[in-house]
C-alpha atoms as a PDB file:
ATOM      1  CA  UNK A   1     -23.352-201.114 214.146  1.00  0.00           C
ATOM      2  CA  UNK A   2     -19.874-199.335 213.281  1.00  0.00           C
ATOM      3  CA  UNK A   3     -21.041-196.276 210.989  1.00  0.00           C
ATOM      4  CA  UNK A   4     -23.822-195.735 213.753  1.00  0.00           C
ATOM      5  CA  UNK A   5     -21.004-195.855 216.437  1.00  0.00           C
ATOM      6  CA  UNK A   6     -19.434-193.489 213.889  1.00  0.00           C
ATOM      7  CA  UNK A   7     -21.789-190.754 213.440  1.00  0.00           C
ATOM      8  CA  UNK A   8     -23.133-190.910 217.391  1.00  0.00           C
ATOM      9  CA  UNK A   9     -19.270-189.814 217.930  1.00  0.00           C
ATOM     10  CA  UNK A  10     -19.462-187.447 215.225  1.00  0.00           C
ATOM     11  CA  UNK A  11     -22.659-186.023 216.521  1.00  0.00           C
ATOM     12  CA  UNK A  12     -21.287-185.790 219.956  1.00  0.00           C
ATOM     13  CA  UNK A  13     -17.941-184.550 218.783  1.00  0.00           C
ATOM     14  CA  UNK A  14     -19.991-181.348 217.149  1.00  0.00           C
ATOM     15  CA  UNK A  15     -22.259-180.791 220.238  1.00  0.00           C
ATOM     16  CA  UNK A  16     -19.623-180.522 222.263  1.00  0.00           C
ATOM     17  CA  UNK A  17     -17.940-177.988 219.838  1.00  0.00           C
ATOM     18  CA  UNK A  18     -21.115-176.124 219.872  1.00  0.00           C
ATOM     19  CA  UNK A  19     -21.116-175.495 223.356  1.00  0.00           C
ATOM     20  CA  UNK A  20     -18.101-174.760 223.906  1.00  0.00           C
ATOM     21  CA  UNK A  21     -18.293-172.228 221.240  1.00  0.00           C
ATOM     22  CA  UNK A  22     -21.579-171.129 223.546  1.00  0.00           C
ATOM     23  CA  UNK A  23     -19.930-171.009 226.766  1.00  0.00           C
ATOM     24  CA  UNK A  24     -17.114-169.202 225.599  1.00  0.00           C
ATOM     25  CA  UNK A  25     -18.853-166.324 223.630  1.00  0.00           C
ATOM     26  CA  UNK A  26     -21.099-166.118 227.266  1.00  0.00           C
ATOM     27  CA  UNK A  27     -17.741-165.444 228.961  1.00  0.00           C
ATOM     28  CA  UNK A  28     -16.574-163.224 226.439  1.00  0.00           C
ATOM     29  CA  UNK A  29     -14.273-161.209 226.774  1.00  0.00           C
ATOM     30  CA  UNK A  30     -12.635-161.859 230.340  1.00  0.00           C
ATOM     31  CA  UNK A  31      -9.955-159.777 229.440  1.00  0.00           C
ATOM     32  CA  UNK A  32      -8.613-156.535 227.360  1.00  0.00           C
ATOM     33  CA  UNK A  33      -9.251-156.276 223.604  1.00  0.00           C
ATOM     34  CA  UNK A  34      -6.630-155.754 221.382  1.00  0.00           C
ATOM     35  CA  UNK A  35      -7.816-153.015 218.350  1.00  0.00           C
ATOM     36  CA  UNK A  36      -4.839-152.821 216.343  1.00  0.00           C
ATOM     37  CA  UNK A  37      -5.069-149.368 213.870  1.00  0.00           C
ATOM     38  CA  UNK A  38      -2.757-150.386 211.348  1.00  0.00           C
ATOM     39  CA  UNK A  39      -1.503-146.308 210.834  1.00  0.00           C
ATOM     40  CA  UNK A  40       0.098-143.534 212.569  1.00  0.00           C
ATOM     41  CA  UNK A  41      -1.236-141.804 216.226  1.00  0.00           C
ATOM     42  CA  UNK A  42      -3.021-138.417 215.285  1.00  0.00           C
ATOM     43  CA  UNK A  43      -4.377-139.561 212.206  1.00  0.00           C
ATOM     44  CA  UNK A  44      -7.795-139.532 210.583  1.00  0.00           C
ATOM     45  CA  UNK A  45      -8.135-143.404 211.197  1.00  0.00           C
ATOM     46  CA  UNK A  46      -6.560-143.886 214.716  1.00  0.00           C
ATOM     47  CA  UNK A  47      -8.889-140.059 215.627  1.00  0.00           C
ATOM     48  CA  UNK A  48     -11.891-141.924 214.584  1.00  0.00           C
ATOM     49  CA  UNK A  49     -11.230-145.056 216.389  1.00  0.00           C
ATOM     50  CA  UNK A  50     -10.379-143.576 219.411  1.00  0.00           C
ATOM     51  CA  UNK A  51     -13.689-141.601 218.949  1.00  0.00           C
ATOM     52  CA  UNK A  52     -15.326-144.996 219.172  1.00  0.00           C
ATOM     53  CA  UNK A  53     -14.196-148.252 221.052  1.00  0.00           C
ATOM     54  CA  UNK A  54     -13.676-147.150 224.504  1.00  0.00           C
ATOM     55  CA  UNK A  55     -17.004-146.536 224.459  1.00  0.00           C
ATOM     56  CA  UNK A  56     -17.753-150.388 222.731  1.00  0.00           C
ATOM     57  CA  UNK A  57     -15.364-151.440 225.716  1.00  0.00           C
ATOM     58  CA  UNK A  58     -17.990-149.903 228.360  1.00  0.00           C
ATOM     59  CA  UNK A  59     -20.495-151.655 226.746  1.00  0.00           C
ATOM     60  CA  UNK A  60     -18.625-155.234 226.833  1.00  0.00           C
ATOM     61  CA  UNK A  61     -17.124-154.463 230.277  1.00  0.00           C
ATOM     62  CA  UNK A  62     -13.536-154.899 229.052  1.00  0.00           C
ATOM     63  CA  UNK A  63     -10.761-152.049 227.809  1.00  0.00           C
ATOM     64  CA  UNK A  64     -10.326-151.842 223.912  1.00  0.00           C
ATOM     65  CA  UNK A  65      -6.688-151.529 223.390  1.00  0.00           C
ATOM     66  CA  UNK A  66      -5.509-149.246 220.557  1.00  0.00           C
ATOM     67  CA  UNK A  67      -2.588-150.512 219.283  1.00  0.00           C
ATOM     68  CA  UNK A  68      -0.873-148.558 216.447  1.00  0.00           C
ATOM     69  CA  UNK A  69       0.463-150.776 213.627  1.00  0.00           C
ATOM     70  CA  UNK A  70       1.801-148.582 210.826  1.00  0.00           C
ATOM     71  CA  UNK A  71       3.506-149.467 207.511  1.00  0.00           C
ATOM     72  CA  UNK A  72       3.058-149.955 203.941  1.00  0.00           C
ATOM     73  CA  UNK A  73      -0.235-148.458 204.246  1.00  0.00           C
ATOM     74  CA  UNK A  74      -2.024-150.625 206.653  1.00  0.00           C
ATOM     75  CA  UNK A  75       0.061-153.835 205.405  1.00  0.00           C
ATOM     76  CA  UNK A  76       1.697-154.357 208.060  1.00  0.00           C
ATOM     77  CA  UNK A  77      -0.584-153.806 211.016  1.00  0.00           C
ATOM     78  CA  UNK A  78      -3.788-155.665 209.182  1.00  0.00           C
ATOM     79  CA  UNK A  79      -1.412-158.485 208.113  1.00  0.00           C
ATOM     80  CA  UNK A  80      -0.554-159.310 212.147  1.00  0.00           C
ATOM     81  CA  UNK A  81      -4.222-159.595 212.072  1.00  0.00           C
ATOM     82  CA  UNK A  82      -5.078-161.399 209.527  1.00  0.00           C
ATOM     83  CA  UNK A  83      -2.797-164.215 211.396  1.00  0.00           C
ATOM     84  CA  UNK A  84      -3.638-163.557 214.930  1.00  0.00           C
ATOM     85  CA  UNK A  85      -5.333-166.549 217.159  1.00  0.00           C
ATOM     86  CA  UNK A  86      -9.275-166.284 216.086  1.00  0.00           C
ATOM     87  CA  UNK A  87     -10.294-165.609 219.679  1.00  0.00           C
ATOM     88  CA  UNK A  88     -12.256-161.652 219.389  1.00  0.00           C
ATOM     89  CA  UNK A  89      -9.327-161.075 221.088  1.00  0.00           C
ATOM     90  CA  UNK A  90      -7.151-159.447 218.427  1.00  0.00           C
ATOM     91  CA  UNK A  91      -9.265-156.985 215.905  1.00  0.00           C
ATOM     92  CA  UNK A  92      -8.692-154.465 213.568  1.00  0.00           C
ATOM     93  CA  UNK A  93      -9.537-150.851 212.190  1.00  0.00           C
ATOM     94  CA  UNK A  94      -9.480-151.724 208.670  1.00  0.00           C
ATOM     95  CA  UNK A  95     -10.391-148.796 206.392  1.00  0.00           C
ATOM     96  CA  UNK A  96     -10.658-148.169 201.961  1.00  0.00           C
ATOM     97  CA  UNK A  97      -6.567-148.388 202.063  1.00  0.00           C
ATOM     98  CA  UNK A  98      -6.420-151.864 203.205  1.00  0.00           C
ATOM     99  CA  UNK A  99      -9.647-153.899 202.269  1.00  0.00           C
ATOM    100  CA  UNK A 100      -9.502-151.766 199.022  1.00  0.00           C
ATOM    101  CA  UNK A 101      -7.015-149.647 197.303  1.00  0.00           C
ATOM    102  CA  UNK A 102      -3.645-151.461 198.454  1.00  0.00           C
ATOM    103  CA  UNK A 103      -5.012-154.617 197.173  1.00  0.00           C
ATOM    104  CA  UNK A 104      -4.309-153.010 193.336  1.00  0.00           C
ATOM    105  CA  UNK A 105      -1.835-150.684 194.512  1.00  0.00           C
ATOM    106  CA  UNK A 106       0.940-152.941 195.709  1.00  0.00           C
ATOM    107  CA  UNK A 107       2.274-156.108 194.386  1.00  0.00           C
ATOM    108  CA  UNK A 108       1.810-158.304 197.939  1.00  0.00           C
ATOM    109  CA  UNK A 109      -0.147-157.108 200.796  1.00  0.00           C
ATOM    110  CA  UNK A 110       0.438-159.906 203.425  1.00  0.00           C
ATOM    111  CA  UNK A 111      -3.509-160.691 203.518  1.00  0.00           C
ATOM    112  CA  UNK A 112      -6.718-161.079 201.550  1.00  0.00           C
ATOM    113  CA  UNK A 113      -9.715-158.500 202.993  1.00  0.00           C
ATOM    114  CA  UNK A 114     -12.134-161.245 202.326  1.00  0.00           C
ATOM    115  CA  UNK A 115     -10.585-164.463 203.426  1.00  0.00           C
ATOM    116  CA  UNK A 116      -8.952-163.794 205.899  1.00  0.00           C
ATOM    117  CA  UNK A 117     -11.117-161.590 207.671  1.00  0.00           C
ATOM    118  CA  UNK A 118     -14.547-161.858 209.438  1.00  0.00           C
ATOM    119  CA  UNK A 119     -16.200-158.183 209.689  1.00  0.00           C
ATOM    120  CA  UNK A 120     -18.103-157.069 212.747  1.00  0.00           C
ATOM    121  CA  UNK A 121     -19.410-153.830 211.446  1.00  0.00           C
ATOM    122  CA  UNK A 122     -18.525-150.871 209.536  1.00  0.00           C
ATOM    123  CA  UNK A 123     -17.869-147.566 211.691  1.00  0.00           C
ATOM    124  CA  UNK A 124     -18.462-144.885 209.997  1.00  0.00           C
ATOM    125  CA  UNK A 125     -18.563-143.463 205.905  1.00  0.00           C
ATOM    126  CA  UNK A 126     -16.359-140.409 205.318  1.00  0.00           C
ATOM    127  CA  UNK A 127     -16.949-138.285 202.272  1.00  0.00           C
ATOM    128  CA  UNK A 128     -13.914-136.110 200.961  1.00  0.00           C
ATOM    129  CA  UNK A 129     -14.054-132.227 199.620  1.00  0.00           C
ATOM    130  CA  UNK A 130     -12.621-130.359 197.345  1.00  0.00           C
ATOM    131  CA  UNK A 131     -10.391-127.805 198.822  1.00  0.00           C
ATOM    132  CA  UNK A 132      -8.431-124.590 196.935  1.00  0.00           C
ATOM    133  CA  UNK A 133      -6.086-122.121 198.870  1.00  0.00           C
ATOM    134  CA  UNK A 134      -7.177-118.691 199.435  1.00  0.00           C
ATOM    135  CA  UNK A 135      -5.247-117.221 196.154  1.00  0.00           C
ATOM    136  CA  UNK A 136      -7.570-119.686 193.838  1.00  0.00           C
ATOM    137  CA  UNK A 137      -9.949-117.367 192.114  1.00  0.00           C
ATOM    138  CA  UNK A 138     -13.125-119.889 192.384  1.00  0.00           C
ATOM    139  CA  UNK A 139     -15.643-119.858 195.180  1.00  0.00           C
ATOM    140  CA  UNK A 140     -17.842-122.367 193.366  1.00  0.00           C
ATOM    141  CA  UNK A 141     -16.726-125.538 191.037  1.00  0.00           C
ATOM    142  CA  UNK A 142     -18.528-123.547 187.679  1.00  0.00           C
ATOM    143  CA  UNK A 143     -15.566-121.223 188.658  1.00  0.00           C
ATOM    144  CA  UNK A 144     -13.287-123.257 189.673  1.00  0.00           C
ATOM    145  CA  UNK A 145     -14.185-125.802 186.251  1.00  0.00           C
ATOM    146  CA  UNK A 146     -13.284-122.132 184.009  1.00  0.00           C
ATOM    147  CA  UNK A 147      -9.920-120.946 186.154  1.00  0.00           C
ATOM    148  CA  UNK A 148      -8.246-124.456 185.231  1.00  0.00           C
ATOM    149  CA  UNK A 149      -9.104-124.554 181.988  1.00  0.00           C
ATOM    150  CA  UNK A 150      -8.313-121.492 181.245  1.00  0.00           C
ATOM    151  CA  UNK A 151      -4.807-122.206 182.744  1.00  0.00           C
ATOM    152  CA  UNK A 152      -4.150-125.805 181.888  1.00  0.00           C
ATOM    153  CA  UNK A 153      -0.883-127.524 183.427  1.00  0.00           C
ATOM    154  CA  UNK A 154      -0.592-124.453 186.129  1.00  0.00           C
ATOM    155  CA  UNK A 155      -2.503-125.992 188.517  1.00  0.00           C
ATOM    156  CA  UNK A 156      -1.112-128.672 191.070  1.00  0.00           C
ATOM    157  CA  UNK A 157      -3.125-130.838 193.483  1.00  0.00           C
ATOM    158  CA  UNK A 158      -1.909-132.770 196.648  1.00  0.00           C
ATOM    159  CA  UNK A 159      -2.553-136.081 197.647  1.00  0.00           C
ATOM    160  CA  UNK A 160      -0.857-138.220 200.851  1.00  0.00           C
ATOM    161  CA  UNK A 161       0.803-140.425 198.480  1.00  0.00           C
ATOM    162  CA  UNK A 162       0.295-142.399 195.079  1.00  0.00           C
ATOM    163  CA  UNK A 163      -2.113-145.170 195.563  1.00  0.00           C
ATOM    164  CA  UNK A 164      -3.647-143.239 198.986  1.00  0.00           C
ATOM    165  CA  UNK A 165      -7.583-142.144 198.396  1.00  0.00           C
ATOM    166  CA  UNK A 166      -6.533-138.003 197.999  1.00  0.00           C
ATOM    167  CA  UNK A 167      -4.523-139.241 194.929  1.00  0.00           C
ATOM    168  CA  UNK A 168      -7.058-141.618 193.947  1.00  0.00           C
ATOM    169  CA  UNK A 169     -10.334-138.309 194.504  1.00  0.00           C
ATOM    170  CA  UNK A 170      -7.456-136.548 191.846  1.00  0.00           C
ATOM    171  CA  UNK A 171      -7.585-138.561 188.892  1.00  0.00           C
ATOM    172  CA  UNK A 172     -10.914-139.280 188.902  1.00  0.00           C
ATOM    173  CA  UNK A 173     -11.517-135.515 189.274  1.00  0.00           C
ATOM    174  CA  UNK A 174      -9.039-134.936 186.238  1.00  0.00           C
ATOM    175  CA  UNK A 175     -10.366-137.409 184.392  1.00  0.00           C
ATOM    176  CA  UNK A 176     -13.987-136.121 184.700  1.00  0.00           C
ATOM    177  CA  UNK A 177     -13.780-132.999 184.828  1.00  0.00           C
ATOM    178  CA  UNK A 178     -11.431-132.903 181.735  1.00  0.00           C
ATOM    179  CA  UNK A 179      -9.211-130.514 182.759  1.00  0.00           C
ATOM    180  CA  UNK A 180      -5.204-130.890 182.780  1.00  0.00           C
ATOM    181  CA  UNK A 181      -3.528-130.581 186.295  1.00  0.00           C
ATOM    182  CA  UNK A 182      -0.459-131.759 188.061  1.00  0.00           C
ATOM    183  CA  UNK A 183       0.108-134.653 190.836  1.00  0.00           C
ATOM    184  CA  UNK A 184       2.414-133.543 193.435  1.00  0.00           C
ATOM    185  CA  UNK A 185       2.371-136.858 196.297  1.00  0.00           C
ATOM    186  CA  UNK A 186       3.888-136.002 199.433  1.00  0.00           C
ATOM    187  CA  UNK A 187       4.776-138.399 202.455  1.00  0.00           C
ATOM    188  CA  UNK A 188       1.717-138.623 204.232  1.00  0.00           C
ATOM    189  CA  UNK A 189      -1.922-136.962 204.365  1.00  0.00           C
ATOM    190  CA  UNK A 190      -0.126-134.308 207.610  1.00  0.00           C
ATOM    191  CA  UNK A 191       2.589-133.070 204.558  1.00  0.00           C
ATOM    192  CA  UNK A 192      -0.059-133.204 202.351  1.00  0.00           C
ATOM    193  CA  UNK A 193      -1.920-130.339 203.943  1.00  0.00           C
ATOM    194  CA  UNK A 194       0.605-128.190 205.187  1.00  0.00           C
ATOM    195  CA  UNK A 195       2.255-128.102 201.326  1.00  0.00           C
ATOM    196  CA  UNK A 196      -1.384-126.584 200.414  1.00  0.00           C
ATOM    197  CA  UNK A 197      -1.233-124.851 202.810  1.00  0.00           C
ATOM    198  CA  UNK A 198       2.322-123.199 202.085  1.00  0.00           C
ATOM    199  CA  UNK A 199       1.022-122.543 198.585  1.00  0.00           C
ATOM    200  CA  UNK A 200       3.290-125.124 197.177  1.00  0.00           C
ATOM    201  CA  UNK A 201       0.163-126.771 195.641  1.00  0.00           C
ATOM    202  CA  UNK A 202      -3.551-124.834 194.773  1.00  0.00           C
ATOM    203  CA  UNK A 203      -6.159-127.481 195.597  1.00  0.00           C
ATOM    204  CA  UNK A 204      -6.377-131.049 197.319  1.00  0.00           C
ATOM    205  CA  UNK A 205      -9.654-133.363 197.874  1.00  0.00           C
ATOM    206  CA  UNK A 206      -8.877-135.139 201.016  1.00  0.00           C
ATOM    207  CA  UNK A 207     -11.389-136.617 203.138  1.00  0.00           C
ATOM    208  CA  UNK A 208     -13.744-134.159 205.530  1.00  0.00           C
ATOM    209  CA  UNK A 209     -11.797-135.428 208.638  1.00  0.00           C
ATOM    210  CA  UNK A 210      -9.022-134.714 207.871  1.00  0.00           C
ATOM    211  CA  UNK A 211      -9.469-130.790 206.147  1.00  0.00           C
ATOM    212  CA  UNK A 212     -12.415-129.609 208.173  1.00  0.00           C
ATOM    213  CA  UNK A 213     -10.159-127.754 210.685  1.00  0.00           C
ATOM    214  CA  UNK A 214      -8.581-125.719 208.247  1.00  0.00           C
ATOM    215  CA  UNK A 215     -11.413-124.956 206.084  1.00  0.00           C
ATOM    216  CA  UNK A 216     -13.117-123.475 209.361  1.00  0.00           C
ATOM    217  CA  UNK A 217     -10.196-121.892 210.383  1.00  0.00           C
ATOM    218  CA  UNK A 218     -10.861-120.126 207.274  1.00  0.00           C
ATOM    219  CA  UNK A 219      -7.038-120.973 205.463  1.00  0.00           C
ATOM    220  CA  UNK A 220      -8.446-123.154 202.919  1.00  0.00           C
ATOM    221  CA  UNK A 221     -12.003-122.215 200.921  1.00  0.00           C
ATOM    222  CA  UNK A 222     -14.081-125.477 200.371  1.00  0.00           C
ATOM    223  CA  UNK A 223     -15.799-126.154 196.657  1.00  0.00           C
ATOM    224  CA  UNK A 224     -17.845-129.680 197.450  1.00  0.00           C
ATOM    225  CA  UNK A 225     -18.119-132.379 198.985  1.00  0.00           C
ATOM    226  CA  UNK A 226     -17.798-135.631 197.034  1.00  0.00           C
ATOM    227  CA  UNK A 227     -20.731-138.371 198.591  1.00  0.00           C
ATOM    228  CA  UNK A 228     -24.505-138.788 197.150  1.00  0.00           C
ATOM    229  CA  UNK A 229     -25.937-135.997 199.944  1.00  0.00           C
ATOM    230  CA  UNK A 230     -24.933-132.858 201.842  1.00  0.00           C
ATOM    231  CA  UNK A 231     -22.795-133.724 205.101  1.00  0.00           C
ATOM    232  CA  UNK A 232     -24.209-131.985 208.525  1.00  0.00           C
ATOM    233  CA  UNK A 233     -21.632-130.331 209.286  1.00  0.00           C
ATOM    234  CA  UNK A 234     -20.494-128.963 205.985  1.00  0.00           C
ATOM    235  CA  UNK A 235     -24.646-128.489 205.137  1.00  0.00           C
ATOM    236  CA  UNK A 236     -23.842-125.794 203.270  1.00  0.00           C
ATOM    237  CA  UNK A 237     -21.886-127.235 201.042  1.00  0.00           C
ATOM    238  CA  UNK A 238     -23.202-129.059 197.331  1.00  0.00           C
ATOM    239  CA  UNK A 239     -21.991-132.136 196.651  1.00  0.00           C
ATOM    240  CA  UNK A 240     -20.041-132.459 193.786  1.00  0.00           C
ATOM    241  CA  UNK A 241     -22.965-133.763 191.638  1.00  0.00           C
ATOM    242  CA  UNK A 242     -25.323-130.698 193.060  1.00  0.00           C
ATOM    243  CA  UNK A 243     -22.873-128.237 192.070  1.00  0.00           C
ATOM    244  CA  UNK A 244     -22.727-129.440 188.581  1.00  0.00           C
ATOM    245  CA  UNK A 245     -20.406-132.595 188.038  1.00  0.00           C
ATOM    246  CA  UNK A 246     -22.775-135.703 187.688  1.00  0.00           C
ATOM    247  CA  UNK A 247     -21.546-139.192 188.869  1.00  0.00           C
ATOM    248  CA  UNK A 248     -18.883-137.796 190.855  1.00  0.00           C
ATOM    249  CA  UNK A 249     -18.885-139.284 193.967  1.00  0.00           C
ATOM    250  CA  UNK A 250     -16.109-140.880 196.001  1.00  0.00           C
ATOM    251  CA  UNK A 251     -15.752-141.759 199.875  1.00  0.00           C
ATOM    252  CA  UNK A 252     -14.240-143.675 202.919  1.00  0.00           C
ATOM    253  CA  UNK A 253     -15.356-146.383 204.992  1.00  0.00           C
ATOM    254  CA  UNK A 254     -14.038-148.024 208.213  1.00  0.00           C
ATOM    255  CA  UNK A 255     -15.202-151.305 209.645  1.00  0.00           C
ATOM    256  CA  UNK A 256     -14.065-153.334 212.132  1.00  0.00           C
ATOM    257  CA  UNK A 257     -12.598-157.114 211.202  1.00  0.00           C
ATOM    258  CA  UNK A 258     -11.842-160.072 213.405  1.00  0.00           C
ATOM    259  CA  UNK A 259      -9.214-163.048 212.051  1.00  0.00           C
ATOM    260  CA  UNK A 260     -11.316-165.056 209.756  1.00  0.00           C
ATOM    261  CA  UNK A 261     -12.288-168.245 211.714  1.00  0.00           C
ATOM    262  CA  UNK A 262     -13.745-166.065 214.875  1.00  0.00           C
ATOM    263  CA  UNK A 263     -16.753-168.070 216.738  1.00  0.00           C
ATOM    264  CA  UNK A 264     -19.669-166.293 214.682  1.00  0.00           C
ATOM    265  CA  UNK A 265     -20.817-165.775 218.143  1.00  0.00           C
ATOM    266  CA  UNK A 266     -18.290-163.525 219.648  1.00  0.00           C
ATOM    267  CA  UNK A 267     -18.825-161.713 216.304  1.00  0.00           C
ATOM    268  CA  UNK A 268     -22.406-160.329 216.924  1.00  0.00           C
ATOM    269  CA  UNK A 269     -21.565-159.793 220.292  1.00  0.00           C
ATOM    270  CA  UNK A 270     -18.776-157.315 218.897  1.00  0.00           C
ATOM    271  CA  UNK A 271     -21.181-156.789 216.300  1.00  0.00           C
ATOM    272  CA  UNK A 272     -24.059-155.661 219.280  1.00  0.00           C
ATOM    273  CA  UNK A 273     -21.562-153.493 221.044  1.00  0.00           C
ATOM    274  CA  UNK A 274     -20.860-152.064 218.242  1.00  0.00           C
ATOM    275  CA  UNK A 275     -24.689-150.896 217.587  1.00  0.00           C
ATOM    276  CA  UNK A 276     -25.242-149.115 220.481  1.00  0.00           C
ATOM    277  CA  UNK A 277     -22.239-147.220 220.363  1.00  0.00           C
ATOM    278  CA  UNK A 278     -22.809-145.895 216.678  1.00  0.00           C
ATOM    279  CA  UNK A 279     -27.011-145.158 218.116  1.00  0.00           C
ATOM    280  CA  UNK A 280     -25.857-143.154 220.905  1.00  0.00           C
ATOM    281  CA  UNK A 281     -25.926-139.258 220.263  1.00  0.00           C
ATOM    282  CA  UNK A 282     -22.812-138.650 221.844  1.00  0.00           C
ATOM    283  CA  UNK A 283     -20.709-141.321 219.721  1.00  0.00           C
ATOM    284  CA  UNK A 284     -22.466-139.656 216.940  1.00  0.00           C
ATOM    285  CA  UNK A 285     -21.569-136.033 217.442  1.00  0.00           C
ATOM    286  CA  UNK A 286     -17.781-137.297 218.055  1.00  0.00           C
ATOM    287  CA  UNK A 287     -17.560-138.550 214.724  1.00  0.00           C
ATOM    288  CA  UNK A 288     -19.062-135.736 213.291  1.00  0.00           C
ATOM    289  CA  UNK A 289     -17.001-133.785 214.603  1.00  0.00           C
ATOM    290  CA  UNK A 290     -14.195-135.416 212.759  1.00  0.00           C
ATOM    291  CA  UNK A 291     -15.753-135.362 209.796  1.00  0.00           C
ATOM    292  CA  UNK A 292     -17.502-138.362 209.612  1.00  0.00           C
ATOM    293  CA  UNK A 293     -20.843-140.337 209.259  1.00  0.00           C
ATOM    294  CA  UNK A 294     -21.342-142.856 212.180  1.00  0.00           C
ATOM    295  CA  UNK A 295     -22.226-145.893 210.435  1.00  0.00           C
ATOM    296  CA  UNK A 296     -23.301-149.176 211.880  1.00  0.00           C
ATOM    297  CA  UNK A 297     -23.788-152.234 209.648  1.00  0.00           C
ATOM    298  CA  UNK A 298     -24.381-155.805 210.115  1.00  0.00           C
ATOM    299  CA  UNK A 299     -21.501-158.008 209.289  1.00  0.00           C
ATOM    300  CA  UNK A 300     -22.848-159.059 205.984  1.00  0.00           C
ATOM    301  CA  UNK A 301     -24.021-156.232 205.199  1.00  0.00           C
ATOM    302  CA  UNK A 302     -20.095-154.960 205.587  1.00  0.00           C
ATOM    303  CA  UNK A 303     -18.850-157.906 203.627  1.00  0.00           C
ATOM    304  CA  UNK A 304     -20.776-156.494 200.938  1.00  0.00           C
ATOM    305  CA  UNK A 305     -19.589-153.431 200.997  1.00  0.00           C
ATOM    306  CA  UNK A 306     -15.743-154.310 200.694  1.00  0.00           C
ATOM    307  CA  UNK A 307     -17.063-156.894 197.877  1.00  0.00           C
ATOM    308  CA  UNK A 308     -18.368-154.212 195.657  1.00  0.00           C
ATOM    309  CA  UNK A 309     -15.293-151.953 196.411  1.00  0.00           C
ATOM    310  CA  UNK A 310     -12.589-153.494 195.677  1.00  0.00           C
ATOM    311  CA  UNK A 311     -13.083-154.156 191.920  1.00  0.00           C
ATOM    312  CA  UNK A 312     -14.127-150.378 191.829  1.00  0.00           C
ATOM    313  CA  UNK A 313     -10.971-148.874 193.345  1.00  0.00           C
ATOM    314  CA  UNK A 314      -8.753-151.310 191.695  1.00  0.00           C
ATOM    315  CA  UNK A 315      -9.956-149.816 188.323  1.00  0.00           C
ATOM    316  CA  UNK A 316      -9.317-145.877 189.837  1.00  0.00           C
ATOM    317  CA  UNK A 317      -5.772-147.101 190.702  1.00  0.00           C
ATOM    318  CA  UNK A 318      -5.228-148.629 187.034  1.00  0.00           C
ATOM    319  CA  UNK A 319      -6.194-145.426 185.931  1.00  0.00           C
ATOM    320  CA  UNK A 320      -4.136-143.381 187.660  1.00  0.00           C
ATOM    321  CA  UNK A 321      -1.265-145.443 186.929  1.00  0.00           C
ATOM    322  CA  UNK A 322      -0.005-145.921 190.708  1.00  0.00           C
ATOM    323  CA  UNK A 323       2.191-148.662 191.620  1.00  0.00           C
ATOM    324  CA  UNK A 324       3.585-149.794 195.039  1.00  0.00           C
ATOM    325  CA  UNK A 325       7.049-152.268 194.400  1.00  0.00           C
END
């Protein structure tokens, strides 16, 4: 009798929790949602978030307030979301840095990208671009490789800092192309591009979102893109594979994450809003103008993606010898 009573109470509790969760999701969101972008205003992640998330807020019927919380390569803001209430009102704009590179680069990030977050959807993938300054006597990859091999250790590439995507891309190029080039780390993407434009270094591989304006203005020469297929906004540029460097592919990807334990019904509601926004021509065009490709995903697909990417970035960090204590 006591066993049946216990089972009845347990079943009742489960039913109450389920009903409460459903009611919460039906009313969600009933106040503004905070999206933490763990990087400074005006950077690539911030610009992409602002290109997409206001529309997501319109679909949900509540404002999405972007809260920039930079520090430690994105770790500070990411950790704050990992520790936030799992109610759907605090979200993270995560990148391949926060959910990939940093796990191998930093001795301690303060969060686990798989255990501490519930993926909502991918936002975009961002190809990178190999560029050189106008004085480099090369207009394509074959000419560039010939120049680099004829001038070992005389050409430098810039990066936004040790362990960043631009650093990893440069090291990957150095290894796969078999060339001797020097790495010059800067304190951020802006200074790295400024150094490039000023002739302090001669080449860089960075996200199209960061370099497209300078290329279109004729201040830098684009050699190739690093994605598996051509980029619509630079359709004339070959991929690295097409240009002759087989197997070279490196892209960044951004996504929206909630704290682990957020009700699935809330995740589904957010995901549906992301899907609608990311398939609208206006949003697709805004992302394309920033060098990114709109890329919706299910929560499960995004989880599979970062699970696959983690060891890839770890290997690149190890090969480059990068470390931040």
